[in-house]
Protein backbone atom coordinates (compact mmCIF):
# COMPACT_ATOMS: atom_id res chain seq x y z
CA UNK A 1 9.12 19.53 -15.41
CA UNK A 2 6.73 23.04 -16.44
CA UNK A 3 3.77 24.14 -15.64
CA UNK A 4 1.16 22.31 -18.59
CA UNK A 5 2.78 18.96 -16.92
CA UNK A 6 1.71 19.84 -12.93
CA UNK A 7 -1.31 21.28 -14.68
CA UNK A 8 -2.59 18.37 -16.63
CA UNK A 9 -1.42 15.71 -13.40
CA UNK A 10 -3.63 18.21 -11.24
CA UNK A 11 -6.73 17.36 -13.60
CA UNK A 12 -5.75 13.66 -12.74
CA UNK A 13 -6.11 14.56 -9.41
CA UNK A 14 -9.12 16.69 -9.24
CA UNK A 15 -11.11 13.69 -10.86
CA UNK A 16 -10.08 10.93 -8.61
CA UNK A 17 -10.77 13.65 -6.02
CA UNK A 18 -13.85 15.77 -6.49
CA UNK A 19 -14.25 17.17 -3.20
CA UNK A 20 -10.39 18.52 -3.46
CA UNK A 21 -10.81 21.67 -4.95
CA UNK A 22 -8.51 23.44 -7.96
CA UNK A 23 -5.78 25.22 -5.43
CA UNK A 24 -5.45 22.20 -3.75
CA UNK A 25 -5.88 19.72 -6.40
CA UNK A 26 -2.81 22.06 -7.95
CA UNK A 27 -0.39 22.04 -4.81
CA UNK A 28 -1.09 18.41 -4.37
CA UNK A 29 -0.03 17.97 -7.86
CA UNK A 30 2.98 20.09 -7.12
CA UNK A 31 4.27 18.86 -4.63
CA UNK A 32 3.94 15.11 -5.41
CA UNK A 33 5.63 16.05 -8.94
CA UNK A 34 8.74 17.23 -7.05
CA UNK A 35 8.72 14.58 -4.88
CA UNK A 36 9.20 12.63 -7.78
CA UNK A 37 12.24 14.98 -8.82
CA UNK A 38 14.33 15.41 -5.76
CA UNK A 39 13.42 11.54 -4.39
CA UNK A 40 12.76 13.38 -1.03
CA UNK A 41 9.87 14.71 0.99
CA UNK A 42 11.13 17.56 2.89
CA UNK A 43 9.77 21.18 1.20
CA UNK A 44 13.04 22.42 0.82
CA UNK A 45 14.77 19.79 -0.56
CA UNK A 46 11.27 18.98 -3.21
CA UNK A 47 10.63 23.38 -3.51
CA UNK A 48 14.87 23.08 -5.12
CA UNK A 49 13.29 20.97 -8.04
CA UNK A 50 9.94 23.14 -8.47
CA UNK A 51 11.58 26.36 -10.27
CA UNK A 52 8.73 26.79 -12.89
CA UNK A 53 6.50 27.25 -10.20
CA UNK A 54 8.87 30.15 -8.33
CA UNK A 55 11.28 30.94 -6.39
CA UNK A 56 12.81 27.93 -3.81
CA UNK A 57 11.81 30.08 -0.79
CA UNK A 58 8.57 30.80 -2.27
CA UNK A 59 6.80 27.58 -3.40
CA UNK A 60 8.51 25.67 -0.12
CA UNK A 61 6.50 28.02 2.01
CA UNK A 62 3.84 27.32 -0.55
CA UNK A 63 4.39 23.24 0.53
CA UNK A 64 4.48 24.07 4.26
CA UNK A 65 1.05 25.58 3.97
CA UNK A 66 -0.53 22.74 2.26
CA UNK A 67 1.02 20.74 5.01
CA UNK A 68 -1.02 23.18 7.76
CA UNK A 69 -3.88 23.64 5.58
CA UNK A 70 -6.70 21.57 7.58
CA UNK A 71 -9.25 22.14 5.01
CA UNK A 72 -7.07 19.21 3.33
CA UNK A 73 -9.26 16.39 5.44
CA UNK A 74 -6.64 12.92 5.00
CA UNK A 75 -9.76 11.15 5.61
CA UNK A 76 -12.41 12.34 3.05
CA UNK A 77 -9.25 11.55 0.35
CA UNK A 78 -8.07 8.33 1.54
CA UNK A 79 -11.92 7.45 0.63
CA UNK A 80 -11.95 8.96 -2.79
CA UNK A 81 -8.03 8.37 -3.95
CA UNK A 82 -9.12 4.16 -3.05
CA UNK A 83 -12.44 4.55 -4.94
CA UNK A 84 -10.49 5.72 -7.90
CA UNK A 85 -7.19 3.32 -7.71
CA UNK A 86 -9.40 0.14 -6.79
CA UNK A 87 -11.64 0.84 -9.90
CA UNK A 88 -9.69 -0.35 -11.81
CA UNK A 89 -9.21 -3.25 -10.07
CA UNK A 90 -12.77 -4.96 -11.63
CA UNK A 91 -13.51 -8.38 -11.72
CA UNK A 92 -9.92 -8.81 -10.24
CA UNK A 93 -8.84 -9.55 -6.31
CA UNK A 94 -7.98 -6.61 -3.46
CA UNK A 95 -5.14 -8.29 -1.47
CA UNK A 96 -5.47 -5.91 1.15
CA UNK A 97 -2.45 -5.38 3.66
CA UNK A 98 -3.12 -3.75 7.18
CA UNK A 99 0.13 -2.89 9.13
CA UNK A 100 1.88 -0.05 10.88
CA UNK A 101 5.40 1.46 10.74
CA UNK A 102 7.36 4.26 13.24
CA UNK A 103 9.96 7.00 12.20
CA UNK A 104 12.37 6.40 14.90
CA UNK A 105 10.75 7.54 18.46
CA UNK A 106 8.92 10.67 16.82
CA UNK A 107 5.52 9.65 14.53
CA UNK A 108 4.00 6.28 14.23
CA UNK A 109 1.71 4.97 11.49
CA UNK A 110 -1.20 2.40 10.42
CA UNK A 111 -1.55 1.75 6.84
CA UNK A 112 -4.45 0.16 4.62
CA UNK A 113 -2.42 -0.41 1.62
CA UNK A 114 -3.47 -2.55 -2.11
CA UNK A 115 -0.91 -4.94 -3.02
CA UNK A 116 0.97 -4.66 -6.03
CA UNK A 117 3.25 -6.21 -8.59
CA UNK A 118 6.09 -6.59 -5.27
CA UNK A 119 4.94 -2.67 -3.66
CA UNK A 120 2.16 -2.16 -1.87
CA UNK A 121 -0.15 1.76 -2.95
CA UNK A 122 -1.30 2.59 0.88
CA UNK A 123 -5.33 3.89 0.65
CA UNK A 124 -5.79 4.77 3.54
CA UNK A 125 -3.66 6.02 7.34
CA UNK A 126 -3.88 7.46 10.73
CA UNK A 127 -0.12 8.76 11.60
CA UNK A 128 -0.67 9.51 15.05
CA UNK A 129 2.29 9.92 18.32
CA UNK A 130 4.03 6.42 19.30
CA UNK A 131 2.07 5.16 22.24
CA UNK A 132 -0.65 8.07 21.20
CA UNK A 133 -2.87 6.05 19.97
CA UNK A 134 -6.48 8.04 18.52
CA UNK A 135 -8.23 4.39 19.41
CA UNK A 136 -7.77 1.31 20.11
CA UNK A 137 -6.15 -1.14 17.63
CA UNK A 138 -8.77 -2.47 16.48
CA UNK A 139 -10.87 0.39 16.31
CA UNK A 140 -8.45 2.28 14.28
CA UNK A 141 -7.71 -0.37 11.85
CA UNK A 142 -12.06 -0.59 11.18
CA UNK A 143 -12.03 2.98 10.63
CA UNK A 144 -9.20 2.80 7.62
CA UNK A 145 -10.84 -0.51 5.91
CA UNK A 146 -14.51 1.38 6.41
CA UNK A 147 -12.52 4.34 4.36
CA UNK A 148 -11.03 1.54 1.46
CA UNK A 149 -15.21 -0.76 1.43
CA UNK A 150 -16.56 2.54 0.57
CA UNK A 151 -13.80 2.39 -2.75
CA UNK A 152 -14.18 -1.18 -3.20
CA UNK A 153 -16.10 -2.11 -6.72
CA UNK A 154 -19.98 -4.22 -6.85
CA UNK A 155 -19.24 -7.80 -5.64
CA UNK A 156 -15.84 -7.90 -4.70
CA UNK A 157 -14.52 -9.49 -1.64
CA UNK A 158 -11.28 -8.16 -0.70
CA UNK A 159 -9.14 -10.34 1.29
CA UNK A 160 -6.86 -8.69 4.14
CA UNK A 161 -3.90 -9.42 5.46
CA UNK A 162 -2.32 -8.98 8.60
CA UNK A 163 1.17 -9.96 10.30
CA UNK A 164 1.35 -11.48 14.25
CA UNK A 165 0.82 -8.19 15.86
CA UNK A 166 -2.37 -7.58 14.49
CA UNK A 167 -3.64 -10.96 13.65
CA UNK A 168 -3.99 -12.79 16.56
CA UNK A 169 -7.68 -10.28 17.73
CA UNK A 170 -10.41 -11.97 17.39
CA UNK A 171 -12.29 -8.35 17.62
CA UNK A 172 -10.60 -8.23 13.99
CA UNK A 173 -11.51 -11.42 12.45
CA UNK A 174 -14.91 -10.04 13.98
CA UNK A 175 -14.67 -6.47 12.12
CA UNK A 176 -13.57 -8.50 8.60
CA UNK A 177 -16.19 -10.46 8.66
CA UNK A 178 -19.11 -7.38 9.83
CA UNK A 179 -17.49 -6.21 6.09
CA UNK A 180 -18.41 -9.84 5.01
CA UNK A 181 -14.35 -9.83 3.24
CA UNK A 182 -11.70 -12.63 4.30
CA UNK A 183 -8.50 -12.70 6.87
CA UNK A 184 -5.26 -14.27 6.17
CA UNK A 185 -3.63 -13.51 9.29
CA UNK A 186 -1.15 -14.82 10.93
CA UNK A 187 -1.36 -15.85 14.41
CA UNK A 188 1.32 -16.75 17.41
CA UNK A 189 2.47 -20.09 16.98
CA UNK A 190 1.55 -20.95 20.47
CA UNK A 191 -2.41 -20.51 19.57
CA UNK A 192 -4.21 -23.42 20.26
CA UNK A 193 -6.64 -24.81 17.95
CA UNK A 194 -9.74 -27.32 18.41
CA UNK A 195 -10.21 -30.03 15.34
CA UNK A 196 -13.51 -31.12 15.28
CA UNK A 197 -12.31 -34.77 16.76
CA UNK A 198 -12.71 -32.62 19.43
CA UNK A 199 -8.61 -32.71 20.50
CA UNK A 200 -6.91 -29.53 21.49
CA UNK A 201 -3.24 -28.89 20.03
CA UNK A 202 -0.81 -26.05 20.07
CA UNK A 203 -0.15 -24.70 16.72
CA UNK A 204 3.65 -25.20 16.88
CA UNK A 205 2.90 -29.18 17.57
CA UNK A 206 0.95 -29.72 14.19
CA UNK A 207 4.67 -29.37 12.18
CA UNK A 208 8.22 -30.44 12.15
CA UNK A 209 10.08 -27.91 9.56
CA UNK A 210 10.22 -29.69 6.72
CA UNK A 211 6.24 -29.82 6.46
CA UNK A 212 3.01 -28.18 6.00
CA UNK A 213 -0.67 -28.80 7.37
CA UNK A 214 -3.99 -27.73 7.01
CA UNK A 215 -7.33 -28.38 8.26
CA UNK A 216 -10.42 -27.03 9.77
CA UNK A 217 -10.73 -25.84 13.62
CA UNK A 218 -11.89 -23.42 16.00
CA UNK A 219 -9.00 -21.23 17.73
CA UNK A 220 -9.09 -18.06 20.13
CA UNK A 221 -10.64 -20.46 23.21
CA UNK A 222 -10.93 -17.38 25.35
CA UNK A 223 -13.18 -15.78 23.04
CA UNK A 224 -15.37 -18.13 22.96
CA UNK A 225 -13.86 -20.53 20.07
CA UNK A 226 -13.73 -18.81 16.12
CA UNK A 227 -14.43 -21.33 13.17
CA UNK A 228 -11.39 -20.91 10.79
CA UNK A 229 -9.57 -23.16 8.24
CA UNK A 230 -6.23 -23.68 9.46
CA UNK A 231 -2.59 -23.48 7.26
CA UNK A 232 0.84 -24.62 8.89
CA UNK A 233 4.12 -23.65 6.50
CA UNK A 234 7.66 -24.56 7.77
CA UNK A 235 9.96 -24.78 5.10
CA UNK A 236 13.00 -26.68 4.84
CA UNK A 237 15.88 -24.82 6.60
CA UNK A 238 13.38 -21.38 8.17
CA UNK A 239 13.95 -21.39 11.27
CA UNK A 240 9.84 -20.91 11.97
CA UNK A 241 7.00 -21.62 11.27
CA UNK A 242 4.10 -19.81 9.64
CA UNK A 243 0.77 -20.48 11.53
CA UNK A 244 -1.63 -19.13 9.28
CA UNK A 245 -5.90 -18.53 9.59
CA UNK A 246 -8.74 -17.20 6.82
CA UNK A 247 -11.96 -17.65 6.86
CA UNK A 248 -11.78 -18.27 3.39
CA UNK A 249 -11.67 -22.39 2.28
CA UNK A 250 -10.55 -21.55 -1.66
CA UNK A 251 -6.48 -20.19 -0.45
CA UNK A 252 -4.98 -23.68 -0.90
CA UNK A 253 -1.72 -24.01 1.04
CA UNK A 254 -1.84 -20.18 2.40
CA UNK A 255 0.78 -19.55 0.57
CA UNK A 256 -0.79 -16.49 -0.46
CA UNK A 257 0.49 -14.55 2.98
CA UNK A 258 4.04 -14.13 1.10
CA UNK A 259 2.27 -10.73 -0.35
CA UNK A 260 2.06 -9.01 3.03
CA UNK A 261 6.05 -8.50 2.96
CA UNK A 262 5.04 -5.96 -0.12
CA UNK A 263 4.11 -4.11 2.57
CA UNK A 264 7.54 -3.83 4.01
CA UNK A 265 8.82 -3.28 0.54
CA UNK A 266 6.82 -0.08 -0.06
CA UNK A 267 7.34 1.00 3.12
CA UNK A 268 11.34 1.31 2.60
CA UNK A 269 10.27 2.93 -0.66
CA UNK A 270 8.70 5.81 1.19
CA UNK A 271 11.55 5.89 3.36
CA UNK A 272 15.41 5.16 2.79
CA UNK A 273 15.26 3.75 -0.68
CA UNK A 274 13.18 6.79 -2.27
CA UNK A 275 11.18 9.83 -0.51
CA UNK A 276 13.35 9.85 2.72
CA UNK A 277 10.59 10.20 4.67
CA UNK A 278 12.26 9.48 8.20
CA UNK A 279 14.69 12.50 7.08
CA UNK A 280 11.61 14.57 6.63
CA UNK A 281 11.61 16.16 9.71
CA UNK A 282 7.78 16.41 9.44
CA UNK A 283 6.17 14.92 12.64
CA UNK A 284 3.33 16.50 13.91
CA UNK A 285 0.23 13.73 12.82
CA UNK A 286 -1.63 16.04 10.94
CA UNK A 287 1.14 17.68 8.75
CA UNK A 288 2.44 13.58 8.41
CA UNK A 289 -1.26 12.43 7.15
CA UNK A 290 -0.57 15.54 4.19
CA UNK A 291 2.52 14.67 3.64
CA UNK A 292 1.76 11.01 3.28
CA UNK A 293 -1.03 11.69 0.89
CA UNK A 294 1.59 13.42 -1.67
CA UNK A 295 4.23 10.68 -1.00
CA UNK A 296 1.47 8.07 -1.96
CA UNK A 297 0.49 9.91 -5.45
CA UNK A 298 4.48 10.03 -6.31
CA UNK A 299 4.71 6.55 -5.03
CA UNK A 300 1.98 5.93 -7.18
CA UNK A 301 3.59 7.48 -10.22
CA UNK A 302 6.91 5.76 -9.77
CA UNK A 303 4.74 2.72 -10.19
CA UNK A 304 3.04 3.40 -13.48
CA UNK A 305 6.46 4.93 -14.69
CA UNK A 306 8.32 1.51 -14.15
CA UNK A 307 4.96 -0.66 -14.90
CA UNK A 308 6.05 1.48 -18.46
CA UNK A 309 9.61 0.09 -18.65
CA UNK A 310 8.42 -3.70 -17.82
CA UNK A 311 5.28 -3.07 -20.68
CA UNK A 312 7.96 -1.97 -22.94
CA UNK A 313 11.13 -3.13 -22.63
CA UNK A 314 12.17 -2.68 -26.23
CA UNK A 315 11.45 1.16 -26.47
CA UNK A 316 12.26 1.98 -22.42
CA UNK A 317 15.26 -0.85 -22.05
CA UNK A 318 15.87 0.17 -18.24
CA UNK A 319 14.86 -3.08 -16.71
CA UNK A 320 17.53 -5.22 -17.66
CA UNK A 321 16.82 -8.96 -17.78
CA UNK A 322 18.41 -12.45 -15.93
CA UNK A 323 17.01 -15.40 -17.53
CA UNK A 324 13.22 -14.71 -17.26
CA UNK A 325 13.13 -11.50 -14.45
CA UNK A 326 14.10 -8.53 -13.98
CA UNK A 327 16.39 -7.36 -10.76
CA UNK A 328 14.54 -4.21 -10.35
CA UNK A 329 11.82 -3.59 -8.47
CA UNK A 330 8.91 -1.81 -10.12
CA UNK A 331 9.95 1.09 -7.98
CA UNK A 332 13.28 1.19 -9.51
CA UNK A 333 12.38 0.82 -12.19
CA UNK A 334 9.90 3.09 -12.74
CA UNK A 335 12.62 5.91 -11.33
CA UNK A 336 15.28 4.63 -14.04
CA UNK A 337 12.81 5.06 -16.63
CA UNK A 338 12.48 8.87 -15.34
CA UNK A 339 16.12 9.60 -14.72
CA UNK A 340 16.57 8.28 -18.43
CA UNK A 341 14.02 10.40 -20.12
CA UNK A 342 12.87 13.44 -20.40
CA UNK A 343 10.81 13.93 -17.29
CA UNK A 344 7.39 14.14 -19.72
CA UNK A 345 7.33 11.31 -21.62
CA UNK A 346 7.09 8.80 -18.51
CA UNK A 347 4.93 11.31 -16.57
CA UNK A 348 2.24 13.44 -18.43
CA UNK A 349 -1.35 12.28 -18.47
CA UNK A 350 -0.78 9.24 -16.36
CA UNK A 351 -3.94 6.80 -16.33
CA UNK A 352 -3.83 3.14 -15.24
CA UNK A 353 -5.58 0.76 -17.73
CA UNK A 354 -5.66 -2.76 -15.81
CA UNK A 355 -5.52 -5.33 -19.14
CA UNK A 356 -4.69 -8.77 -17.69
CA UNK A 357 -6.60 -10.34 -14.16
CA UNK A 358 -4.56 -11.63 -11.45
CA UNK A 359 -4.22 -14.98 -10.94
CA UNK A 360 -3.35 -16.51 -7.85
CA UNK A 361 0.13 -17.95 -8.65
CA UNK A 362 0.81 -14.79 -10.55
CA UNK A 363 2.67 -12.22 -8.28
CA UNK A 364 0.99 -9.31 -9.82
CA UNK A 365 -1.73 -7.71 -12.19
CA UNK A 366 -0.02 -6.44 -15.14
CA UNK A 367 -0.44 -2.36 -15.31
CA UNK A 368 -0.51 -1.11 -18.68
CA UNK A 369 0.35 3.01 -18.80
CA UNK A 370 -1.67 5.02 -21.59
CA UNK A 371 0.44 8.33 -22.05
CA UNK A 372 -0.98 11.03 -24.21
CA UNK A 373 1.52 13.47 -26.00
CA UNK A 374 -0.85 15.69 -27.29
CA UNK A 375 -1.48 18.46 -24.95
């Protein structure tokens, strides 16, 4: 890694986050590239891979000052990041995934991310001490969604997905409707639905193992009934069923909900499968917010490198295929490519070109990486 590469990446960050100053963009670039090289988020570990920027102890203190720099307002960075990233989703459906993750007993993090190729790129987040909510759960999610909304291209109607711990909320349904977006939430199987025939049923009573059911009705009786489409999916061999509600009649049988699990894979990538977030020992919420910013940029760089491997398998043969698919995730492919090439060949002048709109039957849009070797 060289200072020229760090400066190149800092210019990309400055273009995406125009409110960030030159030196702030530079340290964000330095930290994020160091995470990719170190496979770790702790400043002490990252600094060992950034000898081009100075002595390890000097670089470590610089990274620690970044984490403590309150002038880097993460909310504004999330808005700018969402605007820059989602600008590449023109004409394509945006699927937003909402979930909370935890770092043991030390930290909780609510994350809104965009689904992409079996992964989920964080767009907005909020770190807080466990059980010490900065505000109510629905209000917290509303705040994050409103930050993301500022970056949604005109005319786009995102689909928001959430699991039972979040989706069983008529208040959150109202938040999505106020944004004029679509939702696809999993709810408890004990949730009751009133069909337009006037009959009421618990959702679990409408299907048996191996069956599916779709219909139109009302749910959330205590809140005055909310009109939704209901999709029940109980695949053969599974112990439990999906009870899904949505305000989008075009979702078919609701199987698009499978994307919700991509966020779980993303959390693993940020933790034990990638950046070792859980071992960073950075548990102060505002410090953790800024750490997640650089981890997100590092994660995106790895996904871009993985897309390069998929787009040019002959040139970059790291994606060994079995039949029609590779056994590696996009993130793992990116790390394999970075390991097999000089660092600058995969990570210089990174830009996205989203070349094909995703189909609902397709797992992801296709990313093609444009890399300039001229600098």
